[in-house]
Amino acid sequence: MSKVLFIKASPLPNEVSRSSQVAATFMEEYKAKNPSDTVEELVLYNTEVPLLDLELMTAGRELQAGKAFADLDPDVQKRLNAYNALTDQFLAADKFVFVFPLWNLGIPPLLKAYVDTFVIAGKSFRYTEHGPEALLKGKKAILIHGSGGIYSAGDASSFTHGEPYLRTILQFIGIEVVPSIFVEGIDHNPSKEAEIVAAAKTVARESATEF
């Protein structure tokens, strides 16, 4: 039995977000094929995702120097608790399903803030004399990525830092990333929206049977 963490990184409702619609199809098929697995959903835009800023970094250094957690400012304690809860939730999962859009050739800022809660030295990777070592080997992820243009192949593929970044950072900490599902090109050809979404849903069902 596996624990699946479904991470939605779009503020748009499902009826508007085409990638979220495809992700729903993926999860429906996955649950049907794996009824004993548990699925936990994390909607980032409905979640407090603390930004790794000067306040949190200062608190981290103070704790490492021996300061008691109870002696930190109460607001800082609250933010650290929220941060650590996201870390623990991620580390406890076996599989990850990310659904996210391409924003300005990158990922949404809240998704980057979330990445910072689980890419942590000593927890998801560690430094060694031979370089960084991944600590989350044996886990698996799939990326469901939406974009108005087509960036998964062709000349524009060198422009995007969305799917490639998330794939790279997950592999950095040891997670196997299976082939991504792309929902792309609708803004270039709105008349083919239904066709594009339907094709992505077909890929999602096929991917779910093997995930």
C-alpha atoms as a PDB file:
ATOM      1  CA  MET A   1       0.000   0.000   0.000  1.00  0.00           C
ATOM      2  CA  SER A   2       1.354   3.409  -0.984  1.00  0.00           C
ATOM      3  CA  LYS A   3       0.675   6.899   0.286  1.00  0.00           C
ATOM      4  CA  VAL A   4       0.083   9.350  -2.547  1.00  0.00           C
ATOM      5  CA  LEU A   5       0.398  13.114  -2.170  1.00  0.00           C
ATOM      6  CA  PHE A   6      -1.563  15.019  -4.817  1.00  0.00           C
ATOM      7  CA  ILE A   7      -0.230  18.573  -5.093  1.00  0.00           C
ATOM      8  CA  LYS A   8      -2.212  21.172  -7.003  1.00  0.00           C
ATOM      9  CA  ALA A   9      -0.285  24.375  -7.705  1.00  0.00           C
ATOM     10  CA  SER A  10      -2.881  26.460  -9.526  1.00  0.00           C
ATOM     11  CA  PRO A  11      -5.306  29.010  -8.062  1.00  0.00           C
ATOM     12  CA  LEU A  12      -7.834  28.285 -10.803  1.00  0.00           C
ATOM     13  CA  PRO A  13     -10.868  26.076 -10.104  1.00  0.00           C
ATOM     14  CA  ASN A  14     -10.968  22.709 -11.842  1.00  0.00           C
ATOM     15  CA  GLU A  15     -13.637  23.807 -14.298  1.00  0.00           C
ATOM     16  CA  VAL A  16     -11.241  26.473 -15.605  1.00  0.00           C
ATOM     17  CA  SER A  17      -7.858  24.741 -15.272  1.00  0.00           C
ATOM     18  CA  ARG A  18      -7.449  22.208 -18.061  1.00  0.00           C
ATOM     19  CA  SER A  19      -4.423  20.594 -16.418  1.00  0.00           C
ATOM     20  CA  SER A  20      -6.475  20.120 -13.241  1.00  0.00           C
ATOM     21  CA  GLN A  21      -9.172  18.392 -15.276  1.00  0.00           C
ATOM     22  CA  VAL A  22      -6.579  16.033 -16.702  1.00  0.00           C
ATOM     23  CA  ALA A  23      -5.156  15.457 -13.224  1.00  0.00           C
ATOM     24  CA  ALA A  24      -8.636  14.569 -11.955  1.00  0.00           C
ATOM     25  CA  THR A  25      -8.878  11.945 -14.693  1.00  0.00           C
ATOM     26  CA  PHE A  26      -5.469  10.587 -13.703  1.00  0.00           C
ATOM     27  CA  MET A  27      -6.418  10.343 -10.030  1.00  0.00           C
ATOM     28  CA  GLU A  28      -9.777   8.725 -10.801  1.00  0.00           C
ATOM     29  CA  GLU A  29      -8.061   6.016 -12.829  1.00  0.00           C
ATOM     30  CA  TYR A  30      -5.282   5.603 -10.277  1.00  0.00           C
ATOM     31  CA  LYS A  31      -7.702   5.150  -7.401  1.00  0.00           C
ATOM     32  CA  ALA A  32      -9.663   2.584  -9.388  1.00  0.00           C
ATOM     33  CA  LYS A  33      -6.490   0.600 -10.049  1.00  0.00           C
ATOM     34  CA  ASN A  34      -5.066   1.034  -6.523  1.00  0.00           C
ATOM     35  CA  PRO A  35      -8.021   1.020  -4.097  1.00  0.00           C
ATOM     36  CA  SER A  36      -5.862   0.204  -1.069  1.00  0.00           C
ATOM     37  CA  ASP A  37      -3.601   3.239  -1.502  1.00  0.00           C
ATOM     38  CA  THR A  38      -4.255   6.405   0.458  1.00  0.00           C
ATOM     39  CA  VAL A  39      -4.407   9.764  -1.306  1.00  0.00           C
ATOM     40  CA  GLU A  40      -3.872  13.101   0.411  1.00  0.00           C
ATOM     41  CA  GLU A  41      -4.628  16.304  -1.497  1.00  0.00           C
ATOM     42  CA  LEU A  42      -2.677  19.507  -1.001  1.00  0.00           C
ATOM     43  CA  VAL A  43      -4.003  22.613  -2.750  1.00  0.00           C
ATOM     44  CA  LEU A  44      -1.158  25.086  -2.385  1.00  0.00           C
ATOM     45  CA  TYR A  45      -3.268  28.198  -2.973  1.00  0.00           C
ATOM     46  CA  ASN A  46      -5.511  27.124  -0.080  1.00  0.00           C
ATOM     47  CA  THR A  47      -2.532  26.399   2.169  1.00  0.00           C
ATOM     48  CA  GLU A  48      -0.199  28.507   4.271  1.00  0.00           C
ATOM     49  CA  VAL A  49       3.160  27.961   2.577  1.00  0.00           C
ATOM     50  CA  PRO A  50       5.705  30.034   4.513  1.00  0.00           C
ATOM     51  CA  LEU A  51       8.258  31.855   2.395  1.00  0.00           C
ATOM     52  CA  LEU A  52      11.849  31.019   3.236  1.00  0.00           C
ATOM     53  CA  ASP A  53      12.861  34.544   4.179  1.00  0.00           C
ATOM     54  CA  LEU A  54      15.245  36.314   6.541  1.00  0.00           C
ATOM     55  CA  GLU A  55      13.008  35.640   9.552  1.00  0.00           C
ATOM     56  CA  LEU A  56      12.888  31.875   9.030  1.00  0.00           C
ATOM     57  CA  MET A  57      16.540  31.619   8.075  1.00  0.00           C
ATOM     58  CA  THR A  58      17.528  33.567  11.190  1.00  0.00           C
ATOM     59  CA  ALA A  59      15.363  31.323  13.351  1.00  0.00           C
ATOM     60  CA  GLY A  60      16.982  28.255  11.806  1.00  0.00           C
ATOM     61  CA  ARG A  61      20.453  29.523  12.642  1.00  0.00           C
ATOM     62  CA  GLU A  62      19.382  30.350  16.180  1.00  0.00           C
ATOM     63  CA  LEU A  63      17.975  26.860  16.709  1.00  0.00           C
ATOM     64  CA  GLN A  64      21.167  25.301  15.374  1.00  0.00           C
ATOM     65  CA  ALA A  65      23.114  27.441  17.831  1.00  0.00           C
ATOM     66  CA  GLY A  66      21.116  25.973  20.719  1.00  0.00           C
ATOM     67  CA  LYS A  67      18.243  28.390  21.190  1.00  0.00           C
ATOM     68  CA  ALA A  68      15.065  26.707  22.440  1.00  0.00           C
ATOM     69  CA  PHE A  69      12.108  26.648  20.093  1.00  0.00           C
ATOM     70  CA  ALA A  70       9.904  28.009  22.885  1.00  0.00           C
ATOM     71  CA  ASP A  71      12.128  31.086  23.110  1.00  0.00           C
ATOM     72  CA  LEU A  72      11.423  32.113  19.529  1.00  0.00           C
ATOM     73  CA  ASP A  73       8.863  34.811  18.791  1.00  0.00           C
ATOM     74  CA  PRO A  74       5.355  33.228  18.784  1.00  0.00           C
ATOM     75  CA  ASP A  75       4.721  34.332  15.198  1.00  0.00           C
ATOM     76  CA  VAL A  76       7.983  32.729  14.116  1.00  0.00           C
ATOM     77  CA  GLN A  77       7.044  29.540  15.959  1.00  0.00           C
ATOM     78  CA  LYS A  78       3.754  29.462  14.062  1.00  0.00           C
ATOM     79  CA  ARG A  79       5.467  29.910  10.706  1.00  0.00           C
ATOM     80  CA  LEU A  80       8.076  27.260  11.488  1.00  0.00           C
ATOM     81  CA  ASN A  81       5.380  24.812  12.564  1.00  0.00           C
ATOM     82  CA  ALA A  82       3.574  25.331   9.256  1.00  0.00           C
ATOM     83  CA  TYR A  83       6.844  24.948   7.357  1.00  0.00           C
ATOM     84  CA  ASN A  84       7.832  21.778   9.205  1.00  0.00           C
ATOM     85  CA  ALA A  85       4.373  20.259   8.779  1.00  0.00           C
ATOM     86  CA  LEU A  86       4.701  20.541   5.003  1.00  0.00           C
ATOM     87  CA  THR A  87       8.167  18.979   5.179  1.00  0.00           C
ATOM     88  CA  ASP A  88       6.942  16.036   7.252  1.00  0.00           C
ATOM     89  CA  GLN A  89       3.916  15.507   5.007  1.00  0.00           C
ATOM     90  CA  PHE A  90       6.117  15.338   1.911  1.00  0.00           C
ATOM     91  CA  LEU A  91       8.696  13.018   3.454  1.00  0.00           C
ATOM     92  CA  ALA A  92       5.953  10.627   4.595  1.00  0.00           C
ATOM     93  CA  ALA A  93       4.571  10.089   1.083  1.00  0.00           C
ATOM     94  CA  ASP A  94       5.627   7.374  -1.345  1.00  0.00           C
ATOM     95  CA  LYS A  95       4.291   8.865  -4.582  1.00  0.00           C
ATOM     96  CA  PHE A  96       3.674  12.415  -5.740  1.00  0.00           C
ATOM     97  CA  VAL A  97       1.351  13.857  -8.358  1.00  0.00           C
ATOM     98  CA  PHE A  98       2.089  17.478  -9.233  1.00  0.00           C
ATOM     99  CA  VAL A  99      -0.334  19.503 -11.354  1.00  0.00           C
ATOM    100  CA  PHE A 100       0.837  23.005 -12.224  1.00  0.00           C
ATOM    101  CA  PRO A 101       0.765  25.639 -14.973  1.00  0.00           C
ATOM    102  CA  LEU A 102       3.571  27.371 -16.801  1.00  0.00           C
ATOM    103  CA  TRP A 103       3.766  30.993 -15.663  1.00  0.00           C
ATOM    104  CA  ASN A 104       6.149  33.315 -17.497  1.00  0.00           C
ATOM    105  CA  LEU A 105       8.263  30.336 -18.580  1.00  0.00           C
ATOM    106  CA  GLY A 106       8.577  29.097 -14.992  1.00  0.00           C
ATOM    107  CA  ILE A 107       6.547  27.650 -12.151  1.00  0.00           C
ATOM    108  CA  PRO A 108       4.078  29.559  -9.933  1.00  0.00           C
ATOM    109  CA  PRO A 109       5.870  31.306  -7.045  1.00  0.00           C
ATOM    110  CA  LEU A 110       3.894  29.391  -4.437  1.00  0.00           C
ATOM    111  CA  LEU A 111       5.110  26.116  -5.925  1.00  0.00           C
ATOM    112  CA  LYS A 112       8.712  27.323  -5.635  1.00  0.00           C
ATOM    113  CA  ALA A 113       8.054  28.246  -2.003  1.00  0.00           C
ATOM    114  CA  TYR A 114       6.676  24.741  -1.490  1.00  0.00           C
ATOM    115  CA  VAL A 115       9.750  23.161  -3.082  1.00  0.00           C
ATOM    116  CA  ASP A 116      11.835  24.953  -0.452  1.00  0.00           C
ATOM    117  CA  THR A 117       9.928  23.130   2.300  1.00  0.00           C
ATOM    118  CA  PHE A 118      11.116  19.692   1.196  1.00  0.00           C
ATOM    119  CA  VAL A 119      14.482  20.211  -0.523  1.00  0.00           C
ATOM    120  CA  ILE A 120      16.383  20.431   2.745  1.00  0.00           C
ATOM    121  CA  ALA A 121      19.910  19.291   3.542  1.00  0.00           C
ATOM    122  CA  GLY A 122      19.804  16.471   6.072  1.00  0.00           C
ATOM    123  CA  LYS A 123      16.220  15.515   5.228  1.00  0.00           C
ATOM    124  CA  SER A 124      15.813  14.973   1.488  1.00  0.00           C
ATOM    125  CA  PHE A 125      19.506  15.102   0.574  1.00  0.00           C
ATOM    126  CA  ARG A 126      22.821  15.430   2.355  1.00  0.00           C
ATOM    127  CA  TYR A 127      26.232  16.818   1.589  1.00  0.00           C
ATOM    128  CA  THR A 128      29.154  14.396   1.407  1.00  0.00           C
ATOM    129  CA  GLU A 129      32.811  14.685   0.445  1.00  0.00           C
ATOM    130  CA  HIS A 130      31.793  13.379  -2.962  1.00  0.00           C
ATOM    131  CA  GLY A 131      28.961  15.884  -3.434  1.00  0.00           C
ATOM    132  CA  PRO A 132      25.244  15.881  -2.609  1.00  0.00           C
ATOM    133  CA  GLU A 133      23.552  12.538  -1.973  1.00  0.00           C
ATOM    134  CA  ALA A 134      19.814  11.986  -2.521  1.00  0.00           C
ATOM    135  CA  LEU A 135      17.875  10.584   0.442  1.00  0.00           C
ATOM    136  CA  LEU A 136      14.451   9.926  -1.091  1.00  0.00           C
ATOM    137  CA  LYS A 137      15.293   7.050  -3.391  1.00  0.00           C
ATOM    138  CA  GLY A 138      12.504   4.546  -3.998  1.00  0.00           C
ATOM    139  CA  LYS A 139       9.820   7.232  -4.316  1.00  0.00           C
ATOM    140  CA  LYS A 140       8.052   8.182  -7.549  1.00  0.00           C
ATOM    141  CA  ALA A 141       6.464  11.308  -9.043  1.00  0.00           C
ATOM    142  CA  ILE A 142       4.523  12.353 -12.121  1.00  0.00           C
ATOM    143  CA  LEU A 143       4.120  15.905 -13.414  1.00  0.00           C
ATOM    144  CA  ILE A 144       0.921  17.108 -15.095  1.00  0.00           C
ATOM    145  CA  HIS A 145       1.814  20.395 -16.712  1.00  0.00           C
ATOM    146  CA  GLY A 146      -0.366  22.919 -18.484  1.00  0.00           C
ATOM    147  CA  SER A 147       0.756  25.685 -20.837  1.00  0.00           C
ATOM    148  CA  GLY A 148      -0.924  27.861 -23.428  1.00  0.00           C
ATOM    149  CA  GLY A 149       1.873  27.290 -25.911  1.00  0.00           C
ATOM    150  CA  ILE A 150       3.795  24.169 -26.862  1.00  0.00           C
ATOM    151  CA  TYR A 151       7.041  23.763 -24.938  1.00  0.00           C
ATOM    152  CA  SER A 152       7.480  20.015 -24.471  1.00  0.00           C
ATOM    153  CA  ALA A 153       9.231  19.728 -27.853  1.00  0.00           C
ATOM    154  CA  GLY A 154      10.429  21.865 -30.725  1.00  0.00           C
ATOM    155  CA  ASP A 155      12.255  25.167 -30.814  1.00  0.00           C
ATOM    156  CA  ALA A 156      10.407  26.601 -27.794  1.00  0.00           C
ATOM    157  CA  SER A 157      11.466  23.743 -25.517  1.00  0.00           C
ATOM    158  CA  SER A 158      14.649  25.628 -24.611  1.00  0.00           C
ATOM    159  CA  PHE A 159      12.605  28.558 -23.316  1.00  0.00           C
ATOM    160  CA  THR A 160      10.696  26.815 -20.546  1.00  0.00           C
ATOM    161  CA  HIS A 161      11.940  26.440 -16.984  1.00  0.00           C
ATOM    162  CA  GLY A 162       8.715  24.928 -15.651  1.00  0.00           C
ATOM    163  CA  GLU A 163       8.544  21.161 -16.100  1.00  0.00           C
ATOM    164  CA  PRO A 164      12.335  20.778 -16.523  1.00  0.00           C
ATOM    165  CA  TYR A 165      13.035  22.572 -13.239  1.00  0.00           C
ATOM    166  CA  LEU A 166      10.581  20.539 -11.177  1.00  0.00           C
ATOM    167  CA  ARG A 167      11.740  17.298 -12.780  1.00  0.00           C
ATOM    168  CA  THR A 168      15.382  18.151 -12.030  1.00  0.00           C
ATOM    169  CA  ILE A 169      14.831  19.163  -8.418  1.00  0.00           C
ATOM    170  CA  LEU A 170      12.845  16.002  -7.671  1.00  0.00           C
ATOM    171  CA  GLN A 171      15.523  13.837  -9.254  1.00  0.00           C
ATOM    172  CA  PHE A 172      18.124  15.727  -7.227  1.00  0.00           C
ATOM    173  CA  ILE A 173      16.578  14.387  -4.009  1.00  0.00           C
ATOM    174  CA  GLY A 174      16.270  10.859  -5.413  1.00  0.00           C
ATOM    175  CA  ILE A 175      12.680  10.704  -6.646  1.00  0.00           C
ATOM    176  CA  GLU A 176      12.027   8.835  -9.872  1.00  0.00           C
ATOM    177  CA  VAL A 177      10.062  11.097 -12.231  1.00  0.00           C
ATOM    178  CA  VAL A 178       8.056   9.181 -14.825  1.00  0.00           C
ATOM    179  CA  PRO A 179       7.174  10.743 -18.218  1.00  0.00           C
ATOM    180  CA  SER A 180       5.179  13.939 -17.778  1.00  0.00           C
ATOM    181  CA  ILE A 181       1.681  14.617 -19.062  1.00  0.00           C
ATOM    182  CA  PHE A 182       1.440  17.851 -21.036  1.00  0.00           C
ATOM    183  CA  VAL A 183      -1.756  19.836 -21.617  1.00  0.00           C
ATOM    184  CA  GLU A 184      -0.473  22.429 -24.029  1.00  0.00           C
ATOM    185  CA  GLY A 185      -1.128  24.523 -27.101  1.00  0.00           C
ATOM    186  CA  ILE A 186      -4.713  25.581 -26.448  1.00  0.00           C
ATOM    187  CA  ASP A 187      -3.904  29.292 -26.516  1.00  0.00           C
ATOM    188  CA  HIS A 188      -2.264  28.804 -29.895  1.00  0.00           C
ATOM    189  CA  ASN A 189      -5.282  26.966 -31.264  1.00  0.00           C
ATOM    190  CA  PRO A 190      -8.406  27.507 -29.101  1.00  0.00           C
ATOM    191  CA  SER A 191     -10.613  25.639 -31.571  1.00  0.00           C
ATOM    192  CA  LYS A 192      -8.788  22.426 -30.640  1.00  0.00           C
ATOM    193  CA  GLU A 193      -9.247  22.763 -26.862  1.00  0.00           C
ATOM    194  CA  ALA A 194     -11.568  19.763 -26.541  1.00  0.00           C
ATOM    195  CA  GLU A 195      -9.273  17.657 -28.714  1.00  0.00           C
ATOM    196  CA  ILE A 196      -6.154  18.615 -26.765  1.00  0.00           C
ATOM    197  CA  VAL A 197      -7.755  17.956 -23.375  1.00  0.00           C
ATOM    198  CA  ALA A 198      -9.212  14.639 -24.535  1.00  0.00           C
ATOM    199  CA  ALA A 199      -5.819  13.491 -25.820  1.00  0.00           C
ATOM    200  CA  ALA A 200      -4.159  14.441 -22.517  1.00  0.00           C
ATOM    201  CA  LYS A 201      -6.840  12.565 -20.577  1.00  0.00           C
ATOM    202  CA  THR A 202      -6.128   9.458 -22.643  1.00  0.00           C
ATOM    203  CA  VAL A 203      -2.448   9.720 -21.739  1.00  0.00           C
ATOM    204  CA  ALA A 204      -3.436  10.291 -18.092  1.00  0.00           C
ATOM    205  CA  ARG A 205      -5.465   7.080 -17.941  1.00  0.00           C
ATOM    206  CA  GLU A 206      -2.630   5.109 -19.498  1.00  0.00           C
ATOM    207  CA  SER A 207      -0.060   6.637 -17.144  1.00  0.00           C
ATOM    208  CA  ALA A 208      -2.214   5.986 -14.089  1.00  0.00           C
ATOM    209  CA  THR A 209      -2.285   2.249 -14.740  1.00  0.00           C
ATOM    210  CA  GLU A 210       1.501   2.096 -14.487  1.00  0.00           C
ATOM    211  CA  PHE A 211       2.149   4.650 -11.750  1.00  0.00           C
END
